[in-house]
Protein backbone atom coordinates (compact mmCIF):
# COMPACT_ATOMS: atom_id res chain seq x y z
CA MET A 1 0.06 0.07 0.04
CA ARG A 2 1.57 3.30 -1.13
CA GLY A 3 -0.97 5.48 0.78
CA ALA A 4 -4.08 5.68 2.64
CA ALA A 5 -7.62 5.37 1.16
CA PRO A 6 -8.93 8.82 0.11
CA ALA A 7 -11.75 10.21 2.28
CA ASN A 8 -13.53 12.18 -0.38
CA VAL A 9 -13.49 9.71 -3.24
CA SER A 10 -16.54 7.83 -4.08
CA ALA A 11 -16.75 4.56 -6.17
CA ARG A 12 -19.64 4.29 -8.51
CA LEU A 13 -20.81 2.10 -11.50
CA ARG A 14 -20.13 3.29 -14.99
CA SER A 15 -23.10 4.60 -17.00
CA ASN A 16 -23.69 1.42 -19.02
CA VAL A 17 -23.34 -1.08 -16.00
CA THR A 18 -26.05 -2.18 -13.78
CA LEU A 19 -26.31 -4.62 -10.85
CA GLU A 20 -28.87 -7.42 -10.51
CA THR A 21 -29.64 -9.27 -7.39
CA GLN A 22 -30.68 -12.86 -8.34
CA ALA A 23 -31.99 -15.83 -6.16
CA GLU A 24 -30.28 -16.99 -3.03
CA GLY A 25 -28.23 -13.76 -2.78
CA GLU A 26 -26.36 -14.03 -6.09
CA ILE A 27 -25.22 -10.61 -7.43
CA ALA A 28 -24.56 -10.25 -11.14
CA VAL A 29 -23.19 -7.32 -13.09
CA CYS A 30 -24.80 -6.58 -16.61
CA PHE A 31 -22.99 -4.49 -19.31
CA GLU A 32 -23.23 -4.36 -23.05
CA GLY A 33 -25.57 -7.50 -23.27
CA TYR A 34 -23.37 -9.61 -20.87
CA SER A 35 -24.02 -10.91 -17.47
CA VAL A 36 -21.15 -11.80 -15.08
CA GLY A 37 -21.79 -13.32 -11.68
CA LEU A 38 -19.85 -11.73 -8.67
CA GLY A 39 -20.80 -14.20 -6.12
CA ARG A 40 -23.08 -14.54 -3.02
CA PHE A 41 -23.66 -11.79 -0.62
CA SER A 42 -25.96 -11.13 2.30
CA ALA A 43 -29.32 -9.23 1.94
CA GLY A 44 -27.79 -6.11 3.62
CA ALA A 45 -24.80 -6.07 1.43
CA ALA A 46 -26.99 -6.35 -1.77
CA HIS A 47 -29.19 -3.48 -0.53
CA ARG A 48 -26.22 -1.32 0.23
CA ALA A 49 -24.50 -2.21 -3.20
CA GLN A 50 -27.25 -0.35 -4.98
CA ASN A 51 -25.72 2.95 -3.77
CA LEU A 52 -22.92 2.28 -6.35
CA ARG A 53 -25.23 3.86 -8.86
CA ILE A 54 -24.72 7.24 -7.46
CA GLY A 55 -21.62 6.76 -5.59
CA LEU A 56 -20.37 5.02 -2.44
CA PRO A 57 -17.48 6.62 -0.40
CA LEU A 58 -14.48 4.52 0.04
CA ALA A 59 -13.99 5.58 3.57
CA ALA A 60 -17.37 4.15 4.47
CA PHE A 61 -16.13 0.54 4.01
CA ALA A 62 -12.34 1.13 4.35
CA SER A 63 -12.32 0.09 8.12
CA ASN A 64 -13.63 -3.48 7.62
CA TRP A 65 -14.56 -3.75 11.11
CA ARG A 66 -18.06 -5.09 10.31
CA ASN A 67 -18.99 -7.99 8.06
CA ILE A 68 -21.18 -5.91 5.69
CA ASP A 69 -18.07 -3.60 5.16
CA LYS A 70 -15.98 -6.68 4.29
CA GLU A 71 -18.61 -7.82 1.77
CA ILE A 72 -18.97 -4.46 0.12
CA ASP A 73 -15.19 -4.01 -0.12
CA LEU A 74 -15.04 -7.62 -1.82
CA LEU A 75 -17.79 -6.65 -4.21
CA VAL A 76 -16.22 -3.20 -5.18
CA ARG A 77 -12.68 -4.75 -5.71
CA ARG A 78 -14.27 -7.42 -7.94
CA LEU A 79 -15.87 -4.71 -10.03
CA ALA A 80 -12.65 -2.66 -10.17
CA ARG A 81 -10.73 -5.55 -11.52
CA ARG A 82 -13.17 -5.80 -14.50
CA GLY A 83 -12.89 -2.13 -15.09
CA LEU A 84 -16.63 -1.57 -14.41
CA LEU A 85 -16.15 1.23 -11.72
CA GLU A 86 -15.09 4.96 -11.84
CA TYR A 87 -14.27 7.17 -9.00
CA ARG A 88 -15.57 10.64 -8.37
CA LEU A 89 -13.90 13.48 -6.39
CA GLY A 90 -16.28 16.35 -5.69
CA GLY A 91 -19.27 17.39 -3.71
CA SER A 92 -22.05 15.33 -2.06
CA GLY A 93 -24.51 16.14 -4.98
CA ILE A 94 -24.81 14.08 -8.00
CA GLY A 95 -23.98 16.75 -10.46
CA GLU A 96 -21.25 18.34 -8.50
CA ASP A 97 -18.21 16.21 -9.73
CA GLN A 98 -14.93 18.02 -9.67
CA VAL A 99 -12.76 15.25 -11.04
CA VAL A 100 -13.79 11.66 -12.39
CA ILE A 101 -11.08 9.02 -12.36
CA GLU A 102 -11.45 6.25 -15.04
CA THR A 103 -9.33 3.16 -14.46
CA GLN A 104 -6.94 2.08 -17.36
CA MET A 105 -5.42 -1.07 -15.60
CA PRO A 106 -7.31 -3.63 -13.72
CA ASP A 107 -4.90 -3.31 -10.61
CA TYR A 108 -5.56 0.33 -10.01
CA TRP A 109 -6.95 1.45 -6.67
CA PRO A 110 -6.96 4.94 -5.48
CA ARG A 111 -4.38 5.91 -2.97
CA THR A 112 -3.20 9.15 -1.56
CA PRO A 113 0.39 9.42 -0.44
CA GLN A 114 1.40 11.85 2.14
CA LEU A 115 2.25 15.52 1.04
CA GLY A 116 3.87 18.09 3.08
CA ASN A 117 4.10 21.81 2.77
CA ALA A 118 7.75 21.60 1.99
CA ASP A 119 7.36 19.28 -0.86
CA ALA A 120 7.77 20.52 -4.36
CA VAL A 121 5.88 18.73 -7.20
CA VAL A 122 5.91 19.02 -11.03
CA LEU A 123 4.03 17.59 -13.95
CA SER A 124 5.55 14.57 -15.60
CA ARG A 125 6.94 14.98 -19.01
CA PHE A 126 4.58 12.14 -20.10
CA ALA A 127 1.40 13.84 -18.86
CA TYR A 128 -0.87 15.56 -21.44
CA MET A 129 -4.30 17.09 -21.51
CA ARG A 130 -6.70 16.65 -24.40
CA ARG A 131 -10.26 17.10 -25.47
CA ARG A 132 -12.62 14.09 -25.69
CA GLY A 133 -15.98 15.00 -26.90
CA ASN A 134 -17.09 17.98 -24.50
CA GLU A 135 -14.69 16.72 -21.69
CA MET A 136 -11.13 17.65 -20.78
CA ILE A 137 -8.91 14.62 -20.13
CA LEU A 138 -5.61 14.50 -18.17
CA GLU A 139 -3.70 11.30 -18.66
CA SER A 140 -0.23 9.74 -18.87
CA PRO A 141 1.13 6.47 -20.51
CA ARG A 142 2.54 5.65 -17.13
CA ALA A 143 -0.64 6.22 -15.16
CA GLY A 144 -3.07 3.47 -14.23
CA ALA A 145 -6.01 5.79 -14.59
CA LEU A 146 -6.99 9.01 -16.46
CA PHE A 147 -8.62 12.07 -14.91
CA LYS A 148 -11.65 13.78 -16.38
CA ILE A 149 -11.51 17.46 -15.23
CA CYS A 150 -15.00 18.69 -14.76
CA ASN A 151 -13.98 22.04 -13.25
CA PRO A 152 -12.03 24.29 -15.63
CA LYS A 153 -10.48 26.13 -12.65
CA ILE A 154 -8.57 23.00 -11.81
CA ALA A 155 -7.07 22.85 -15.25
CA ALA A 156 -5.73 26.38 -14.79
CA VAL A 157 -4.00 25.25 -11.58
CA LEU A 158 -2.59 22.18 -13.09
CA ALA A 159 -1.10 24.35 -15.98
CA MET A 160 0.95 26.03 -13.25
CA LEU A 161 2.52 22.75 -12.42
CA SER A 162 4.57 22.84 -15.66
CA THR A 163 7.40 24.15 -13.33
CA PRO A 164 8.12 22.91 -9.99
CA GLN A 165 5.70 24.36 -7.27
CA HIS A 166 5.75 24.04 -3.56
CA ILE A 167 2.73 22.85 -1.82
CA LYS A 168 2.78 25.89 0.56
CA GLN A 169 2.58 28.17 -2.50
CA LEU A 170 -0.19 26.12 -4.03
CA ARG A 171 -2.38 26.37 -1.05
CA ARG A 172 -2.43 30.15 -1.22
CA GLN A 173 -4.19 29.95 -4.55
CA ASP A 174 -7.95 30.85 -4.50
CA ASP A 175 -8.69 27.85 -6.72
CA PHE A 176 -6.51 25.29 -4.91
CA PRO A 177 -8.11 21.86 -5.77
CA GLY A 178 -6.85 20.33 -2.45
CA LEU A 179 -4.20 18.00 -1.31
CA GLU A 180 -6.30 14.88 -2.18
CA LEU A 181 -6.26 15.48 -5.79
CA LEU A 182 -2.51 16.21 -5.88
CA ALA A 183 -1.91 13.03 -3.91
CA LEU A 184 -4.04 11.00 -6.53
CA LEU A 185 -1.97 12.56 -9.39
CA LEU A 186 1.08 11.67 -7.54
CA ASP A 187 0.03 8.14 -7.04
CA CYS A 188 -0.71 7.78 -10.89
CA GLN A 189 2.93 9.24 -11.64
CA ILE A 190 1.30 12.19 -13.38
CA LEU A 191 2.92 14.47 -10.66
CA PHE A 192 6.35 13.60 -9.14
CA LYS A 193 8.33 15.11 -6.47
CA VAL A 194 11.62 17.00 -6.99
CA ASP A 195 14.34 18.31 -4.87
CA ALA A 196 13.15 21.27 -3.05
CA ALA A 197 16.63 22.83 -2.86
CA GLY A 198 17.54 22.78 -6.54
CA GLY A 199 15.08 20.55 -8.39
CA SER A 200 14.51 21.51 -12.04
CA GLY A 201 12.15 18.73 -13.35
CA LEU A 202 14.41 17.72 -15.91
CA ARG A 203 14.41 14.27 -17.59
CA PRO A 204 16.89 12.51 -15.10
CA ALA A 205 14.93 13.82 -12.21
CA GLU A 206 11.83 11.44 -13.13
CA GLY A 207 12.15 7.78 -12.71
CA ASP A 208 15.05 5.61 -13.15
CA HIS A 209 17.77 5.55 -15.95
CA ASN A 210 15.57 3.29 -18.15
CA LEU A 211 12.98 6.03 -18.25
CA VAL A 212 15.44 8.62 -19.51
CA LEU A 213 15.87 6.73 -22.82
CA TRP A 214 11.99 6.96 -23.53
CA ASP A 215 10.54 10.00 -25.41
CA PHE A 216 6.87 10.97 -24.97
CA HIS A 217 5.51 9.87 -28.36
CA ASP A 218 7.39 6.52 -28.16
CA LEU A 219 6.11 5.60 -24.84
CA LEU A 220 2.66 6.76 -25.78
CA PHE A 221 2.53 4.70 -28.84
CA HIS A 222 3.83 1.71 -27.03
CA THR A 223 1.39 1.86 -24.23
CA ARG A 224 -1.50 2.35 -26.52
CA SER A 225 -0.56 -0.56 -28.71
CA THR A 226 -0.17 -2.93 -25.76
CA GLU A 227 -3.00 -4.98 -24.39
CA GLY A 228 -3.67 -4.43 -20.66
CA ARG A 229 -2.08 -0.92 -20.45
CA HIS A 230 -5.28 0.82 -21.47
CA ALA A 231 -9.07 0.38 -21.26
CA ASN A 232 -9.56 1.12 -24.93
CA PRO A 233 -11.23 -1.54 -27.11
CA MET A 234 -8.80 -3.39 -29.37
CA GLY A 235 -9.31 -5.50 -32.40
CA GLY A 236 -12.07 -5.34 -35.12
CA VAL A 237 -14.82 -3.50 -33.00
CA TYR A 238 -15.42 -0.92 -35.75
CA PRO A 239 -16.37 1.90 -33.29
CA HIS A 240 -17.09 4.39 -36.00
CA ALA A 241 -19.15 2.16 -38.19
CA GLY A 242 -22.25 4.50 -38.03
CA ALA A 243 -20.41 7.76 -38.03
CA ILE A 244 -19.15 7.51 -41.64
CA SER A 245 -20.78 6.22 -44.76
CA PRO A 246 -19.69 2.75 -46.02
CA LEU A 247 -17.27 2.49 -49.05
CA PRO A 248 -19.14 1.73 -52.46
CA ALA A 249 -18.85 -1.68 -53.79
CA VAL A 250 -17.20 -0.49 -57.08
CA ARG A 251 -14.40 2.16 -56.87
CA PRO A 252 -15.58 5.49 -58.48
CA ARG A 253 -13.62 7.05 -61.42
CA TRP A 254 -10.68 9.14 -60.47
CA PRO A 255 -11.53 12.93 -60.64
CA GLY A 256 -10.25 15.20 -63.23
CA LYS A 257 -10.27 15.35 -67.09
CA LYS A 258 -9.07 12.15 -68.89
CA THR A 259 -5.86 12.47 -70.82
CA ILE A 260 -5.30 10.41 -73.89
CA CYS A 261 -1.58 9.78 -74.74
CA THR A 262 -1.23 10.44 -78.63
CA SER A 263 2.57 10.04 -78.96
CA PRO A 264 3.80 7.06 -80.77
CA ARG A 265 5.14 4.19 -78.87
CA PRO A 266 8.97 3.84 -78.85
CA ARG A 267 10.41 1.20 -80.98
CA ILE A 268 12.68 -1.16 -79.18
CA ARG A 269 15.40 -2.68 -81.09
CA ARG A 270 15.95 -6.45 -80.41
CA GLN A 271 19.35 -7.87 -80.51
CA SER A 272 19.96 -10.68 -82.99
CA PRO A 273 21.28 -14.01 -81.71
CA ARG A 274 24.73 -13.12 -83.13
CA SER A 275 25.21 -9.98 -81.48
CA ARG A 276 23.94 -11.63 -78.19
CA SER A 277 26.64 -14.23 -78.57
CA SER A 278 29.31 -11.81 -79.28
CA CYS A 279 28.54 -10.02 -75.88
CA GLY A 280 29.50 -13.06 -74.14
CA LYS A 281 33.03 -12.89 -75.43
CA VAL A 282 33.81 -9.73 -73.64
CA ILE A 283 33.94 -11.54 -70.37
CA ARG A 284 37.35 -12.86 -69.46
CA PRO A 285 38.29 -14.75 -66.44
CA VAL A 286 40.38 -13.00 -63.69
CA ALA A 287 43.11 -14.72 -61.83
CA SER A 288 42.28 -15.48 -58.25
CA ILE A 289 44.04 -13.91 -55.27
CA THR A 290 46.09 -17.03 -54.53
CA GLY A 291 46.68 -17.90 -58.23
CA ASN A 292 49.22 -16.63 -60.68
CA ARG A 293 48.59 -12.92 -61.07
CA SER A 294 50.96 -12.53 -63.98
CA ARG A 295 48.31 -14.29 -66.15
CA SER A 296 45.83 -11.62 -65.69
CA PRO A 297 45.96 -8.97 -68.37
CA ASN A 298 44.39 -6.34 -65.98
CA PHE A 299 46.99 -7.10 -63.42
CA ARG A 300 49.93 -6.93 -65.71
CA ASN A 301 48.79 -3.50 -67.20
CA SER A 302 47.96 -1.92 -63.78
CA SER A 303 50.26 1.10 -62.90
CA ALA A 304 50.55 -0.03 -59.37
CA ALA A 305 51.31 -3.62 -59.94
CA PRO A 306 54.77 -5.04 -60.61
CA ARG A 307 55.84 -5.28 -64.16
CA ALA A 308 57.80 -7.96 -65.70
CA SER A 309 61.26 -6.96 -67.11
CA TYR A 310 62.41 -8.04 -70.59
CA ARG A 311 65.98 -8.78 -71.54
CA TYR A 312 67.22 -8.67 -75.10
CA ARG A 313 69.47 -11.81 -75.72
CA THR A 314 69.25 -14.74 -77.92
CA PRO A 315 66.68 -17.36 -77.27
CA SER A 316 67.51 -20.35 -75.15
CA SER A 317 65.79 -23.05 -73.47
CA THR A 318 66.70 -21.90 -69.88
CA SER A 319 63.57 -21.32 -67.90
CA THR A 320 61.58 -19.27 -70.48
CA THR A 321 57.93 -19.26 -70.95
CA GLY A 322 57.71 -17.78 -74.31
CA VAL A 323 59.50 -16.04 -77.20
CA THR A 324 58.21 -12.89 -78.71
CA PRO A 325 58.58 -12.47 -82.69
CA SER A 326 61.09 -9.71 -82.06
CA GLY A 327 63.54 -12.21 -80.27
CA ARG A 328 62.77 -11.01 -76.74
CA ILE A 329 62.39 -13.64 -74.01
CA ARG A 330 59.63 -12.83 -71.47
CA ARG A 331 60.01 -14.34 -67.96
CA ARG A 332 57.01 -14.72 -65.85
CA ALA A 333 56.96 -14.34 -62.13
CA PRO A 334 56.16 -17.33 -59.91
CA ALA A 335 52.84 -17.72 -58.11
CA THR A 336 52.84 -15.53 -55.00
CA SER A 337 50.32 -14.99 -52.17
CA SER A 338 48.75 -11.60 -51.46
CA SER A 339 50.98 -11.09 -48.40
CA SER A 340 54.29 -11.37 -50.57
CA ILE A 341 53.05 -9.76 -53.81
CA TRP A 342 55.41 -6.65 -53.34
CA ARG A 343 58.55 -8.58 -52.37
CA SER A 344 61.41 -8.19 -54.98
CA THR A 345 62.41 -11.39 -56.68
CA HIS A 346 66.02 -11.17 -57.85
CA ALA A 347 67.75 -13.17 -60.45
CA ARG A 348 70.87 -15.13 -59.55
CA ASP A 349 73.04 -12.74 -61.83
CA LEU A 350 72.42 -9.35 -60.45
CA ARG A 351 74.90 -7.85 -62.79
CA GLU A 352 72.46 -8.33 -65.56
CA ALA A 353 69.88 -6.44 -63.40
CA SER A 354 67.13 -8.95 -64.48
CA ILE A 355 64.61 -8.22 -61.67
CA ILE A 356 61.30 -9.98 -62.40
CA THR A 357 58.74 -8.41 -60.23
CA THR A 358 60.29 -5.28 -58.70
CA PRO A 359 58.20 -2.15 -58.15
CA ALA A 360 59.22 1.04 -60.15
CA LEU A 361 60.32 2.73 -56.92
CA THR A 362 62.91 -0.29 -56.10
CA ARG A 363 64.22 -0.23 -59.57
CA TRP A 364 64.74 3.39 -59.54
CA ARG A 365 66.78 2.92 -56.26
CA ARG A 366 68.89 0.22 -57.58
CA SER A 367 69.76 2.19 -60.69
CA ALA A 368 70.55 5.26 -58.67
CA PHE A 369 72.64 3.48 -56.10
CA PRO A 370 75.02 0.93 -57.54
CA CYS A 371 76.18 0.16 -54.10
CA MET A 372 73.11 -1.74 -53.27
CA ASN A 373 74.09 -4.36 -55.79
CA SER A 374 77.40 -4.86 -54.28
CA LYS A 375 75.90 -5.46 -50.94
CA ARG A 376 73.48 -8.12 -52.05
CA ASN A 377 76.13 -10.12 -53.98
């Protein structure tokens, strides 16, 4: 229990809910064509339960020191778990409601935590006020109930709570709604306490670290699309079926003037089988990463890749792979891996300067500094 039972709050049945006393003390609740049994009760409890149509104060049966109070408390809580009750805060008359509380979760029960004059409260950043028909609604996706504001002066006082306000300052207002309403809003997390010394009501001051990550619209959409977090009907209920006209069986024509395209259709040239077969000859295989890169023409012609050197001499049968028509012998580099592709492969006779796969920068250094050749001999 987070707080005591409110003294000026009454529980009453919703407008479309009725109670029926059946044989042997059985009480059933009827709503929207359904009838649900609530159990057997005594004749005194059944007679007193009829006051739920106009409102039964919660403080009248909160003590539970009599058997009839225990029965009424059990009956009211069974109705509350099914969402068939609402709670009113206001005068003793029927039409003097100040605030009406409508439950959104089945485990909601009105509680009033303690508030002192030194406490500072502020509206939650998830709280919002909207119009529903001719009513003004105050609610929050974190709250277990919504508040229907019947007195417009209360809405003006609640607008002041956009900034942190001390209870002592609020009590000085002429239209102060009372501590009970503020305690009910605090219990529903529509209001929250801040540090009286330097509380600014910013995002980290409300809730835990997980709540800091939620934005208003994200939490509202998450709550309204989750079953059990609100009392709105879900599924194919067609709530506005009689408010709008049904769609026609055949779709009407699009509005506007009909435009006829008079331009000739473009002629598409179709490829002959011969041209299609020639297109396939353009594709050439590319050497793999671990294969012989010297066989790939794109690799040999690349500016950043090593180039094979050519030596002008007479043809011989010593480790040559091909002879050009001009008499040049071309040597191919052995297969190398990707990690050693830039290593210099030297011939046995360095005086001939026959470097097979040496980058351009290395060849330039060897030609500019002859001393490098003597060191490697």
